[in-house]
Amino acid sequence: HQSQFYFVDADGNVQYALVDSMLPGDIARILKHLAN
């Protein structure tokens, strides 16, 4: 299978896929953006 993360906004829209090698700190910044 493909190994990647998916980010879905609060309205249920799929916004981004991120490679699984991305650093947790960078992922956290994107998550915070989606959550606000």
PDB file of all heavy atoms in Angstrom:
ATOM      1  N   HIS A   1       0.829  -1.208   0.000  1.00  0.00           N
ATOM      2  CA  HIS A   1       0.000   0.000   0.000  1.00  0.00           C
ATOM      3  C   HIS A   1       0.859   1.252   0.000  1.00  0.00           C
ATOM      4  O   HIS A   1       2.035   1.220   0.355  1.00  0.00           O
ATOM      5  CB  HIS A   1      -0.930   0.026   1.221  1.00  0.00           C
ATOM      6  CG  HIS A   1      -0.207   0.181   2.538  1.00  0.00           C
ATOM      7  ND1 HIS A   1      -0.184   1.361   3.235  1.00  0.00           N
ATOM      8  CD2 HIS A   1       0.510  -0.703   3.269  1.00  0.00           C
ATOM      9  CE1 HIS A   1       0.513   1.209   4.355  1.00  0.00           C
ATOM     10  NE2 HIS A   1       0.947  -0.036   4.400  1.00  0.00           N
ATOM     11  N   GLN A   2       0.267   2.343  -0.409  1.00  0.00           N
ATOM     12  CA  GLN A   2       0.911   3.647  -0.280  1.00  0.00           C
ATOM     13  C   GLN A   2       0.948   4.042   1.182  1.00  0.00           C
ATOM     14  O   GLN A   2      -0.004   3.803   1.930  1.00  0.00           O
ATOM     15  CB  GLN A   2       0.147   4.705  -1.074  1.00  0.00           C
ATOM     16  CG  GLN A   2       0.274   4.572  -2.575  1.00  0.00           C
ATOM     17  CD  GLN A   2      -0.683   5.501  -3.283  1.00  0.00           C
ATOM     18  OE1 GLN A   2      -1.877   5.475  -2.996  1.00  0.00           O
ATOM     19  NE2 GLN A   2      -0.188   6.320  -4.183  1.00  0.00           N
ATOM     20  N   SER A   3       2.038   4.657   1.581  1.00  0.00           N
ATOM     21  CA  SER A   3       2.182   5.100   2.963  1.00  0.00           C
ATOM     22  C   SER A   3       2.267   6.613   2.982  1.00  0.00           C
ATOM     23  O   SER A   3       3.282   7.200   2.580  1.00  0.00           O
ATOM     24  CB  SER A   3       3.443   4.489   3.587  1.00  0.00           C
ATOM     25  OG  SER A   3       3.603   4.912   4.932  1.00  0.00           O
ATOM     26  N   GLN A   4       1.201   7.245   3.436  1.00  0.00           N
ATOM     27  CA  GLN A   4       1.134   8.704   3.483  1.00  0.00           C
ATOM     28  C   GLN A   4       0.041   9.130   4.451  1.00  0.00           C
ATOM     29  O   GLN A   4      -0.836   8.337   4.791  1.00  0.00           O
ATOM     30  CB  GLN A   4       0.840   9.277   2.098  1.00  0.00           C
ATOM     31  CG  GLN A   4      -0.488   8.823   1.533  1.00  0.00           C
ATOM     32  CD  GLN A   4      -0.537   8.804   0.022  1.00  0.00           C
ATOM     33  OE1 GLN A   4       0.482   8.599  -0.627  1.00  0.00           O
ATOM     34  NE2 GLN A   4      -1.707   9.015  -0.529  1.00  0.00           N
ATOM     35  N   PHE A   5       0.119  10.350   4.896  1.00  0.00           N
ATOM     36  CA  PHE A   5      -0.902  10.904   5.777  1.00  0.00           C
ATOM     37  C   PHE A   5      -1.882  11.738   4.960  1.00  0.00           C
ATOM     38  O   PHE A   5      -1.504  12.390   3.991  1.00  0.00           O
ATOM     39  CB  PHE A   5      -0.266  11.791   6.853  1.00  0.00           C
ATOM     40  CG  PHE A   5       0.701  11.083   7.743  1.00  0.00           C
ATOM     41  CD1 PHE A   5       2.063  11.343   7.659  1.00  0.00           C
ATOM     42  CD2 PHE A   5       0.264  10.147   8.660  1.00  0.00           C
ATOM     43  CE1 PHE A   5       2.966  10.692   8.476  1.00  0.00           C
ATOM     44  CE2 PHE A   5       1.161   9.480   9.492  1.00  0.00           C
ATOM     45  CZ  PHE A   5       2.521   9.755   9.397  1.00  0.00           C
ATOM     46  N   TYR A   6      -3.141  11.705   5.385  1.00  0.00           N
ATOM     47  CA  TYR A   6      -4.174  12.543   4.773  1.00  0.00           C
ATOM     48  C   TYR A   6      -4.656  13.559   5.797  1.00  0.00           C
ATOM     49  O   TYR A   6      -4.822  13.243   6.978  1.00  0.00           O
ATOM     50  CB  TYR A   6      -5.365  11.702   4.323  1.00  0.00           C
ATOM     51  CG  TYR A   6      -5.113  10.837   3.114  1.00  0.00           C
ATOM     52  CD1 TYR A   6      -4.818   9.493   3.258  1.00  0.00           C
ATOM     53  CD2 TYR A   6      -5.182  11.366   1.824  1.00  0.00           C
ATOM     54  CE1 TYR A   6      -4.594   8.684   2.148  1.00  0.00           C
ATOM     55  CE2 TYR A   6      -4.959  10.570   0.709  1.00  0.00           C
ATOM     56  CZ  TYR A   6      -4.667   9.231   0.879  1.00  0.00           C
ATOM     57  OH  TYR A   6      -4.439   8.441  -0.221  1.00  0.00           O
ATOM     58  N   PHE A   7      -4.910  14.782   5.304  1.00  0.00           N
ATOM     59  CA  PHE A   7      -5.435  15.837   6.152  1.00  0.00           C
ATOM     60  C   PHE A   7      -6.793  16.269   5.619  1.00  0.00           C
ATOM     61  O   PHE A   7      -6.917  16.651   4.456  1.00  0.00           O
ATOM     62  CB  PHE A   7      -4.480  17.028   6.182  1.00  0.00           C
ATOM     63  CG  PHE A   7      -3.184  16.716   6.870  1.00  0.00           C
ATOM     64  CD1 PHE A   7      -2.161  16.075   6.200  1.00  0.00           C
ATOM     65  CD2 PHE A   7      -3.005  17.029   8.205  1.00  0.00           C
ATOM     66  CE1 PHE A   7      -0.977  15.763   6.830  1.00  0.00           C
ATOM     67  CE2 PHE A   7      -1.817  16.724   8.854  1.00  0.00           C
ATOM     68  CZ  PHE A   7      -0.798  16.091   8.157  1.00  0.00           C
ATOM     69  N   VAL A   8      -7.801  16.187   6.479  1.00  0.00           N
ATOM     70  CA  VAL A   8      -9.183  16.519   6.120  1.00  0.00           C
ATOM     71  C   VAL A   8      -9.624  17.676   6.997  1.00  0.00           C
ATOM     72  O   VAL A   8      -9.438  17.646   8.218  1.00  0.00           O
ATOM     73  CB  VAL A   8     -10.110  15.301   6.337  1.00  0.00           C
ATOM     74  CG1 VAL A   8     -11.534  15.620   5.910  1.00  0.00           C
ATOM     75  CG2 VAL A   8      -9.574  14.079   5.578  1.00  0.00           C
ATOM     76  N   ASP A   9     -10.199  18.707   6.392  1.00  0.00           N
ATOM     77  CA  ASP A   9     -10.590  19.873   7.184  1.00  0.00           C
ATOM     78  C   ASP A   9     -11.879  19.615   7.969  1.00  0.00           C
ATOM     79  O   ASP A   9     -12.498  18.555   7.846  1.00  0.00           O
ATOM     80  CB  ASP A   9     -10.689  21.135   6.320  1.00  0.00           C
ATOM     81  CG  ASP A   9     -11.833  21.098   5.303  1.00  0.00           C
ATOM     82  OD1 ASP A   9     -12.792  20.324   5.482  1.00  0.00           O
ATOM     83  OD2 ASP A   9     -11.765  21.863   4.324  1.00  0.00           O
ATOM     84  N   ALA A  10     -12.277  20.592   8.767  1.00  0.00           N
ATOM     85  CA  ALA A  10     -13.428  20.425   9.655  1.00  0.00           C
ATOM     86  C   ALA A  10     -14.741  20.260   8.902  1.00  0.00           C
ATOM     87  O   ALA A  10     -15.722  19.783   9.460  1.00  0.00           O
ATOM     88  CB  ALA A  10     -13.523  21.621  10.609  1.00  0.00           C
ATOM     89  N   ASP A  11     -14.761  20.636   7.622  1.00  0.00           N
ATOM     90  CA  ASP A  11     -15.963  20.465   6.805  1.00  0.00           C
ATOM     91  C   ASP A  11     -15.989  19.112   6.091  1.00  0.00           C
ATOM     92  O   ASP A  11     -16.910  18.841   5.325  1.00  0.00           O
ATOM     93  CB  ASP A  11     -16.047  21.582   5.758  1.00  0.00           C
ATOM     94  CG  ASP A  11     -16.226  22.951   6.399  1.00  0.00           C
ATOM     95  OD1 ASP A  11     -16.938  23.032   7.418  1.00  0.00           O
ATOM     96  OD2 ASP A  11     -15.645  23.926   5.889  1.00  0.00           O
ATOM     97  N   GLY A  12     -14.951  18.302   6.323  1.00  0.00           N
ATOM     98  CA  GLY A  12     -14.911  16.989   5.708  1.00  0.00           C
ATOM     99  C   GLY A  12     -14.251  16.940   4.346  1.00  0.00           C
ATOM    100  O   GLY A  12     -14.328  15.923   3.650  1.00  0.00           O
ATOM    101  N   ASN A  13     -13.590  18.030   3.946  1.00  0.00           N
ATOM    102  CA  ASN A  13     -12.924  18.086   2.645  1.00  0.00           C
ATOM    103  C   ASN A  13     -11.470  17.635   2.771  1.00  0.00           C
ATOM    104  O   ASN A  13     -10.731  18.139   3.620  1.00  0.00           O
ATOM    105  CB  ASN A  13     -12.954  19.516   2.090  1.00  0.00           C
ATOM    106  CG  ASN A  13     -14.370  20.037   1.938  1.00  0.00           C
ATOM    107  OD1 ASN A  13     -15.240  19.361   1.398  1.00  0.00           O
ATOM    108  ND2 ASN A  13     -14.609  21.245   2.423  1.00  0.00           N
ATOM    109  N   VAL A  14     -11.070  16.702   1.910  1.00  0.00           N
ATOM    110  CA  VAL A  14      -9.678  16.259   1.899  1.00  0.00           C
ATOM    111  C   VAL A  14      -8.820  17.372   1.311  1.00  0.00           C
ATOM    112  O   VAL A  14      -9.069  17.823   0.197  1.00  0.00           O
ATOM    113  CB  VAL A  14      -9.517  14.970   1.072  1.00  0.00           C
ATOM    114  CG1 VAL A  14      -8.085  14.461   1.175  1.00  0.00           C
ATOM    115  CG2 VAL A  14     -10.496  13.897   1.530  1.00  0.00           C
ATOM    116  N   GLN A  15      -7.831  17.810   2.061  1.00  0.00           N
ATOM    117  CA  GLN A  15      -7.014  18.950   1.642  1.00  0.00           C
ATOM    118  C   GLN A  15      -5.629  18.546   1.147  1.00  0.00           C
ATOM    119  O   GLN A  15      -5.204  18.962   0.079  1.00  0.00           O
ATOM    120  CB  GLN A  15      -6.869  19.937   2.803  1.00  0.00           C
ATOM    121  CG  GLN A  15      -8.165  20.584   3.234  1.00  0.00           C
ATOM    122  CD  GLN A  15      -8.672  21.610   2.231  1.00  0.00           C
ATOM    123  OE1 GLN A  15      -7.944  22.050   1.359  1.00  0.00           O
ATOM    124  NE2 GLN A  15      -9.926  21.989   2.347  1.00  0.00           N
ATOM    125  N   TYR A  16      -4.908  17.762   1.935  1.00  0.00           N
ATOM    126  CA  TYR A  16      -3.528  17.448   1.606  1.00  0.00           C
ATOM    127  C   TYR A  16      -3.195  15.991   1.897  1.00  0.00           C
ATOM    128  O   TYR A  16      -3.819  15.343   2.746  1.00  0.00           O
ATOM    129  CB  TYR A  16      -2.553  18.303   2.449  1.00  0.00           C
ATOM    130  CG  TYR A  16      -2.840  19.778   2.433  1.00  0.00           C
ATOM    131  CD1 TYR A  16      -3.465  20.403   3.511  1.00  0.00           C
ATOM    132  CD2 TYR A  16      -2.486  20.563   1.339  1.00  0.00           C
ATOM    133  CE1 TYR A  16      -3.736  21.758   3.501  1.00  0.00           C
ATOM    134  CE2 TYR A  16      -2.758  21.922   1.316  1.00  0.00           C
ATOM    135  CZ  TYR A  16      -3.378  22.515   2.404  1.00  0.00           C
ATOM    136  OH  TYR A  16      -3.662  23.859   2.390  1.00  0.00           O
ATOM    137  N   ALA A  17      -2.176  15.503   1.182  1.00  0.00           N
ATOM    138  CA  ALA A  17      -1.503  14.263   1.546  1.00  0.00           C
ATOM    139  C   ALA A  17      -0.066  14.645   1.860  1.00  0.00           C
ATOM    140  O   ALA A  17       0.516  15.516   1.203  1.00  0.00           O
ATOM    141  CB  ALA A  17      -1.552  13.255   0.404  1.00  0.00           C
ATOM    142  N   LEU A  18       0.504  14.013   2.872  1.00  0.00           N
ATOM    143  CA  LEU A  18       1.887  14.277   3.259  1.00  0.00           C
ATOM    144  C   LEU A  18       2.660  12.972   3.264  1.00  0.00           C
ATOM    145  O   LEU A  18       2.159  11.946   3.744  1.00  0.00           O
ATOM    146  CB  LEU A  18       1.975  14.901   4.659  1.00  0.00           C
ATOM    147  CG  LEU A  18       1.954  16.427   4.747  1.00  0.00           C
ATOM    148  CD1 LEU A  18       0.596  16.964   4.289  1.00  0.00           C
ATOM    149  CD2 LEU A  18       2.246  16.881   6.165  1.00  0.00           C
ATOM    150  N   VAL A  19       3.884  13.017   2.738  1.00  0.00           N
ATOM    151  CA  VAL A  19       4.715  11.820   2.773  1.00  0.00           C
ATOM    152  C   VAL A  19       5.021  11.469   4.223  1.00  0.00           C
ATOM    153  O   VAL A  19       5.103  12.349   5.091  1.00  0.00           O
ATOM    154  CB  VAL A  19       6.015  12.014   1.974  1.00  0.00           C
ATOM    155  CG1 VAL A  19       5.717  12.186   0.485  1.00  0.00           C
ATOM    156  CG2 VAL A  19       6.818  13.189   2.496  1.00  0.00           C
ATOM    157  N   ASP A  20       5.187  10.172   4.487  1.00  0.00           N
ATOM    158  CA  ASP A  20       5.361   9.730   5.864  1.00  0.00           C
ATOM    159  C   ASP A  20       6.751  10.038   6.430  1.00  0.00           C
ATOM    160  O   ASP A  20       7.007   9.802   7.608  1.00  0.00           O
ATOM    161  CB  ASP A  20       5.057   8.241   5.991  1.00  0.00           C
ATOM    162  CG  ASP A  20       5.963   7.375   5.128  1.00  0.00           C
ATOM    163  OD1 ASP A  20       6.867   7.918   4.465  1.00  0.00           O
ATOM    164  OD2 ASP A  20       5.753   6.150   5.098  1.00  0.00           O
ATOM    165  N   SER A  21       7.642  10.571   5.591  1.00  0.00           N
ATOM    166  CA  SER A  21       8.981  10.919   6.066  1.00  0.00           C
ATOM    167  C   SER A  21       9.062  12.355   6.582  1.00  0.00           C
ATOM    168  O   SER A  21      10.120  12.804   7.022  1.00  0.00           O
ATOM    169  CB  SER A  21      10.004  10.730   4.938  1.00  0.00           C
ATOM    170  OG  SER A  21       9.651  11.507   3.803  1.00  0.00           O
ATOM    171  N   MET A  22       7.940  13.065   6.544  1.00  0.00           N
ATOM    172  CA  MET A  22       7.926  14.456   6.988  1.00  0.00           C
ATOM    173  C   MET A  22       8.158  14.537   8.495  1.00  0.00           C
ATOM    174  O   MET A  22       7.742  13.650   9.258  1.00  0.00           O
ATOM    175  CB  MET A  22       6.599  15.101   6.626  1.00  0.00           C
ATOM    176  CG  MET A  22       6.633  16.601   6.599  1.00  0.00           C
ATOM    177  SD  MET A  22       5.169  17.252   5.744  1.00  0.00           S
ATOM    178  CE  MET A  22       5.562  18.984   5.747  1.00  0.00           C
ATOM    179  N   LEU A  23       8.811  15.588   8.944  1.00  0.00           N
ATOM    180  CA  LEU A  23       9.117  15.737  10.355  1.00  0.00           C
ATOM    181  C   LEU A  23       7.864  16.052  11.169  1.00  0.00           C
ATOM    182  O   LEU A  23       6.997  16.821  10.725  1.00  0.00           O
ATOM    183  CB  LEU A  23      10.143  16.852  10.559  1.00  0.00           C
ATOM    184  CG  LEU A  23      11.531  16.606   9.962  1.00  0.00           C
ATOM    185  CD1 LEU A  23      12.403  17.845  10.143  1.00  0.00           C
ATOM    186  CD2 LEU A  23      12.188  15.391  10.597  1.00  0.00           C
ATOM    187  N   PRO A  24       7.742  15.475  12.373  1.00  0.00           N
ATOM    188  CA  PRO A  24       6.565  15.724  13.222  1.00  0.00           C
ATOM    189  C   PRO A  24       6.301  17.199  13.491  1.00  0.00           C
ATOM    190  O   PRO A  24       5.145  17.623  13.529  1.00  0.00           O
ATOM    191  CB  PRO A  24       6.900  14.970  14.518  1.00  0.00           C
ATOM    192  CG  PRO A  24       7.798  13.864  14.072  1.00  0.00           C
ATOM    193  CD  PRO A  24       8.632  14.462  12.969  1.00  0.00           C
ATOM    194  N   GLY A  25       7.362  17.986  13.664  1.00  0.00           N
ATOM    195  CA  GLY A  25       7.162  19.415  13.926  1.00  0.00           C
ATOM    196  C   GLY A  25       6.494  20.123  12.768  1.00  0.00           C
ATOM    197  O   GLY A  25       5.631  20.986  12.973  1.00  0.00           O
ATOM    198  N   ASP A  26       6.880  19.759  11.536  1.00  0.00           N
ATOM    199  CA  ASP A  26       6.259  20.360  10.357  1.00  0.00           C
ATOM    200  C   ASP A  26       4.807  19.911  10.225  1.00  0.00           C
ATOM    201  O   ASP A  26       3.924  20.702   9.879  1.00  0.00           O
ATOM    202  CB  ASP A  26       7.036  19.980   9.096  1.00  0.00           C
ATOM    203  CG  ASP A  26       8.396  20.664   9.019  1.00  0.00           C
ATOM    204  OD1 ASP A  26       8.548  21.728   9.650  1.00  0.00           O
ATOM    205  OD2 ASP A  26       9.287  20.132   8.338  1.00  0.00           O
ATOM    206  N   ILE A  27       4.561  18.633  10.492  1.00  0.00           N
ATOM    207  CA  ILE A  27       3.191  18.117  10.447  1.00  0.00           C
ATOM    208  C   ILE A  27       2.328  18.835  11.480  1.00  0.00           C
ATOM    209  O   ILE A  27       1.188  19.221  11.202  1.00  0.00           O
ATOM    210  CB  ILE A  27       3.167  16.603  10.683  1.00  0.00           C
ATOM    211  CG1 ILE A  27       3.841  15.874   9.514  1.00  0.00           C
ATOM    212  CG2 ILE A  27       1.730  16.099  10.857  1.00  0.00           C
ATOM    213  CD1 ILE A  27       3.979  14.375   9.719  1.00  0.00           C
ATOM    214  N   ALA A  28       2.866  19.033  12.667  1.00  0.00           N
ATOM    215  CA  ALA A  28       2.119  19.710  13.735  1.00  0.00           C
ATOM    216  C   ALA A  28       1.714  21.114  13.333  1.00  0.00           C
ATOM    217  O   ALA A  28       0.598  21.573  13.629  1.00  0.00           O
ATOM    218  CB  ALA A  28       2.945  19.733  15.021  1.00  0.00           C
ATOM    219  N   ARG A  29       2.600  21.826  12.630  1.00  0.00           N
ATOM    220  CA  ARG A  29       2.269  23.189  12.196  1.00  0.00           C
ATOM    221  C   ARG A  29       1.113  23.180  11.206  1.00  0.00           C
ATOM    222  O   ARG A  29       0.234  24.057  11.252  1.00  0.00           O
ATOM    223  CB  ARG A  29       3.513  23.860  11.578  1.00  0.00           C
ATOM    224  CG  ARG A  29       4.501  24.352  12.622  1.00  0.00           C
ATOM    225  CD  ARG A  29       5.561  25.242  11.993  1.00  0.00           C
ATOM    226  NE  ARG A  29       6.546  24.466  11.270  1.00  0.00           N
ATOM    227  CZ  ARG A  29       7.627  23.911  11.829  1.00  0.00           C
ATOM    228  NH1 ARG A  29       7.823  24.050  13.129  1.00  0.00           N
ATOM    229  NH2 ARG A  29       8.495  23.245  11.090  1.00  0.00           N
ATOM    230  N   ILE A  30       1.079  22.189  10.323  1.00  0.00           N
ATOM    231  CA  ILE A  30      -0.017  22.093   9.364  1.00  0.00           C
ATOM    232  C   ILE A  30      -1.311  21.717  10.083  1.00  0.00           C
ATOM    233  O   ILE A  30      -2.381  22.253   9.789  1.00  0.00           O
ATOM    234  CB  ILE A  30       0.326  21.070   8.263  1.00  0.00           C
ATOM    235  CG1 ILE A  30       1.521  21.557   7.456  1.00  0.00           C
ATOM    236  CG2 ILE A  30      -0.877  20.842   7.350  1.00  0.00           C
ATOM    237  CD1 ILE A  30       2.021  20.575   6.421  1.00  0.00           C
ATOM    238  N   LEU A  31      -1.222  20.805  11.032  1.00  0.00           N
ATOM    239  CA  LEU A  31      -2.400  20.415  11.806  1.00  0.00           C
ATOM    240  C   LEU A  31      -2.989  21.607  12.551  1.00  0.00           C
ATOM    241  O   LEU A  31      -4.210  21.790  12.598  1.00  0.00           O
ATOM    242  CB  LEU A  31      -2.044  19.301  12.784  1.00  0.00           C
ATOM    243  CG  LEU A  31      -1.826  17.900  12.212  1.00  0.00           C
ATOM    244  CD1 LEU A  31      -1.279  16.967  13.288  1.00  0.00           C
ATOM    245  CD2 LEU A  31      -3.117  17.346  11.631  1.00  0.00           C
ATOM    246  N   LYS A  32      -2.130  22.413  13.149  1.00  0.00           N
ATOM    247  CA  LYS A  32      -2.609  23.592  13.858  1.00  0.00           C
ATOM    248  C   LYS A  32      -3.301  24.560  12.905  1.00  0.00           C
ATOM    249  O   LYS A  32      -4.311  25.172  13.263  1.00  0.00           O
ATOM    250  CB  LYS A  32      -1.451  24.276  14.584  1.00  0.00           C
ATOM    251  CG  LYS A  32      -0.992  23.559  15.836  1.00  0.00           C
ATOM    252  CD  LYS A  32       0.079  24.372  16.557  1.00  0.00           C
ATOM    253  CE  LYS A  32       0.502  23.726  17.862  1.00  0.00           C
ATOM    254  NZ  LYS A  32       1.473  24.529  18.614  1.00  0.00           N
ATOM    255  N   HIS A  33      -2.750  24.689  11.703  1.00  0.00           N
ATOM    256  CA  HIS A  33      -3.381  25.558  10.700  1.00  0.00           C
ATOM    257  C   HIS A  33      -4.781  25.052  10.355  1.00  0.00           C
ATOM    258  O   HIS A  33      -5.736  25.829  10.287  1.00  0.00           O
ATOM    259  CB  HIS A  33      -2.504  25.610   9.449  1.00  0.00           C
ATOM    260  CG  HIS A  33      -3.249  25.884   8.174  1.00  0.00           C
ATOM    261  ND1 HIS A  33      -3.965  27.056   7.969  1.00  0.00           N
ATOM    262  CD2 HIS A  33      -3.431  25.133   7.066  1.00  0.00           C
ATOM    263  CE1 HIS A  33      -4.539  27.011   6.764  1.00  0.00           C
ATOM    264  NE2 HIS A  33      -4.228  25.863   6.206  1.00  0.00           N
ATOM    265  N   LEU A  34      -4.923  23.742  10.147  1.00  0.00           N
ATOM    266  CA  LEU A  34      -6.229  23.187   9.803  1.00  0.00           C
ATOM    267  C   LEU A  34      -7.227  23.300  10.956  1.00  0.00           C
ATOM    268  O   LEU A  34      -8.434  23.401  10.735  1.00  0.00           O
ATOM    269  CB  LEU A  34      -6.077  21.718   9.400  1.00  0.00           C
ATOM    270  CG  LEU A  34      -5.443  21.425   8.037  1.00  0.00           C
ATOM    271  CD1 LEU A  34      -5.321  19.927   7.825  1.00  0.00           C
ATOM    272  CD2 LEU A  34      -6.252  22.041   6.916  1.00  0.00           C
ATOM    273  N   ALA A  35      -6.707  23.261  12.163  1.00  0.00           N
ATOM    274  CA  ALA A  35      -7.591  23.281  13.338  1.00  0.00           C
ATOM    275  C   ALA A  35      -8.077  24.685  13.690  1.00  0.00           C
ATOM    276  O   ALA A  35      -8.993  24.839  14.490  1.00  0.00           O
ATOM    277  CB  ALA A  35      -6.872  22.677  14.533  1.00  0.00           C
ATOM    278  N   ASN A  36      -7.476  25.715  13.086  1.00  0.00           N
ATOM    279  CA  ASN A  36      -7.847  27.098  13.416  1.00  0.00           C
ATOM    280  C   ASN A  36      -8.607  27.767  12.300  1.00  0.00           C
ATOM    281  O   ASN A  36      -8.764  27.222  11.229  1.00  0.00           O
ATOM    282  CB  ASN A  36      -6.573  27.898  13.745  1.00  0.00           C
ATOM    283  CG  ASN A  36      -5.910  27.398  14.996  1.00  0.00           C
ATOM    284  OD1 ASN A  36      -6.580  27.047  15.978  1.00  0.00           O
ATOM    285  ND2 ASN A  36      -4.581  27.346  14.995  1.00  0.00           N
TER     286      ASN A  36
END
